[in-house]
Amino acid sequence: IYPSDIEAVLVQHPGVREAAVVGVPSRKWGETPVAFVVGEVEGLRDWANERLGKTQRLAAVVAVDELPRSHI
């Protein structure tokens, strides 16, 4: 699973300005994706999971005010 593939789907949603996906520990899968999103998150997980492959489906979506950025 590539986070960038999931992020590309998330930013297609009109309420999402930015998205970052990371893997978090999962007892069932070893790791599962969680999205951090700047923008609207209500109903976003279901919307995204309808468009993602079975192994890419999000476990959670977390709203944040901004994503951390470096100068690079």
Protein backbone atom coordinates (compact mmCIF):
# COMPACT_ATOMS: atom_id res chain seq x y z
CA ILE A 1 0.00 0.00 0.00
CA TYR A 2 1.36 3.40 -0.99
CA PRO A 3 0.14 6.36 1.08
CA SER A 4 0.40 8.62 -1.98
CA ASP A 5 -2.20 6.50 -3.81
CA ILE A 6 -4.68 6.98 -0.96
CA GLU A 7 -3.85 10.68 -0.64
CA ALA A 8 -4.54 11.13 -4.37
CA VAL A 9 -8.07 9.80 -3.83
CA LEU A 10 -8.67 11.92 -0.73
CA VAL A 11 -7.76 15.22 -2.40
CA GLN A 12 -10.36 14.53 -5.11
CA HIS A 13 -13.05 15.19 -2.49
CA PRO A 14 -14.20 18.82 -2.78
CA GLY A 15 -13.98 19.38 0.99
CA VAL A 16 -10.34 18.27 1.32
CA ARG A 17 -7.52 20.80 0.92
CA GLU A 18 -4.64 18.54 1.98
CA ALA A 19 -4.21 14.95 3.11
CA ALA A 20 -1.47 12.77 4.57
CA VAL A 21 -1.77 9.03 5.18
CA VAL A 22 0.31 7.00 7.62
CA GLY A 23 0.28 3.39 8.72
CA VAL A 24 -0.63 2.66 12.33
CA PRO A 25 -0.31 -0.67 14.14
CA SER A 26 -3.18 -3.13 13.68
CA ARG A 27 -3.60 -6.47 15.42
CA LYS A 28 -5.46 -7.87 12.43
CA TRP A 29 -3.36 -6.52 9.54
CA GLY A 30 -0.04 -5.58 11.12
CA GLU A 31 -0.56 -2.04 9.88
CA THR A 32 -3.58 -0.10 8.64
CA PRO A 33 -3.89 3.35 6.99
CA VAL A 34 -5.12 6.44 8.83
CA ALA A 35 -5.62 9.78 7.08
CA PHE A 36 -4.91 13.24 8.48
CA VAL A 37 -6.93 15.79 6.55
CA VAL A 38 -7.15 19.57 6.33
CA GLY A 39 -10.76 20.22 5.45
CA GLU A 40 -14.10 18.50 5.80
CA VAL A 41 -14.00 15.00 7.31
CA GLU A 42 -17.66 14.15 7.95
CA GLY A 43 -18.45 11.08 5.84
CA LEU A 44 -15.01 11.19 4.22
CA ARG A 45 -13.89 7.74 5.35
CA ASP A 46 -16.90 6.06 3.74
CA TRP A 47 -16.55 8.22 0.61
CA ALA A 48 -12.87 7.30 0.26
CA ASN A 49 -13.31 3.61 1.09
CA GLU A 50 -15.86 3.30 -1.74
CA ARG A 51 -13.12 4.43 -4.12
CA LEU A 52 -10.14 2.57 -2.64
CA GLY A 53 -9.08 -1.03 -3.05
CA LYS A 54 -9.88 -3.54 -0.34
CA THR A 55 -6.37 -3.43 1.15
CA GLN A 56 -6.21 0.39 0.99
CA ARG A 57 -9.32 1.17 3.04
CA LEU A 58 -8.91 3.72 5.80
CA ALA A 59 -9.33 2.75 9.43
CA ALA A 60 -9.86 6.39 10.44
CA VAL A 61 -9.80 9.98 9.26
CA VAL A 62 -8.52 12.70 11.61
CA ALA A 63 -9.19 16.41 11.07
CA VAL A 64 -6.22 18.73 11.58
CA ASP A 65 -5.83 22.49 11.14
CA GLU A 66 -2.64 22.10 9.10
CA LEU A 67 -0.11 19.50 8.09
CA PRO A 68 3.51 19.92 9.23
CA ARG A 69 5.81 21.12 6.42
CA SER A 70 9.55 21.52 6.17
CA HIS A 71 11.48 23.97 4.01
CA ILE A 72 12.30 21.10 1.67
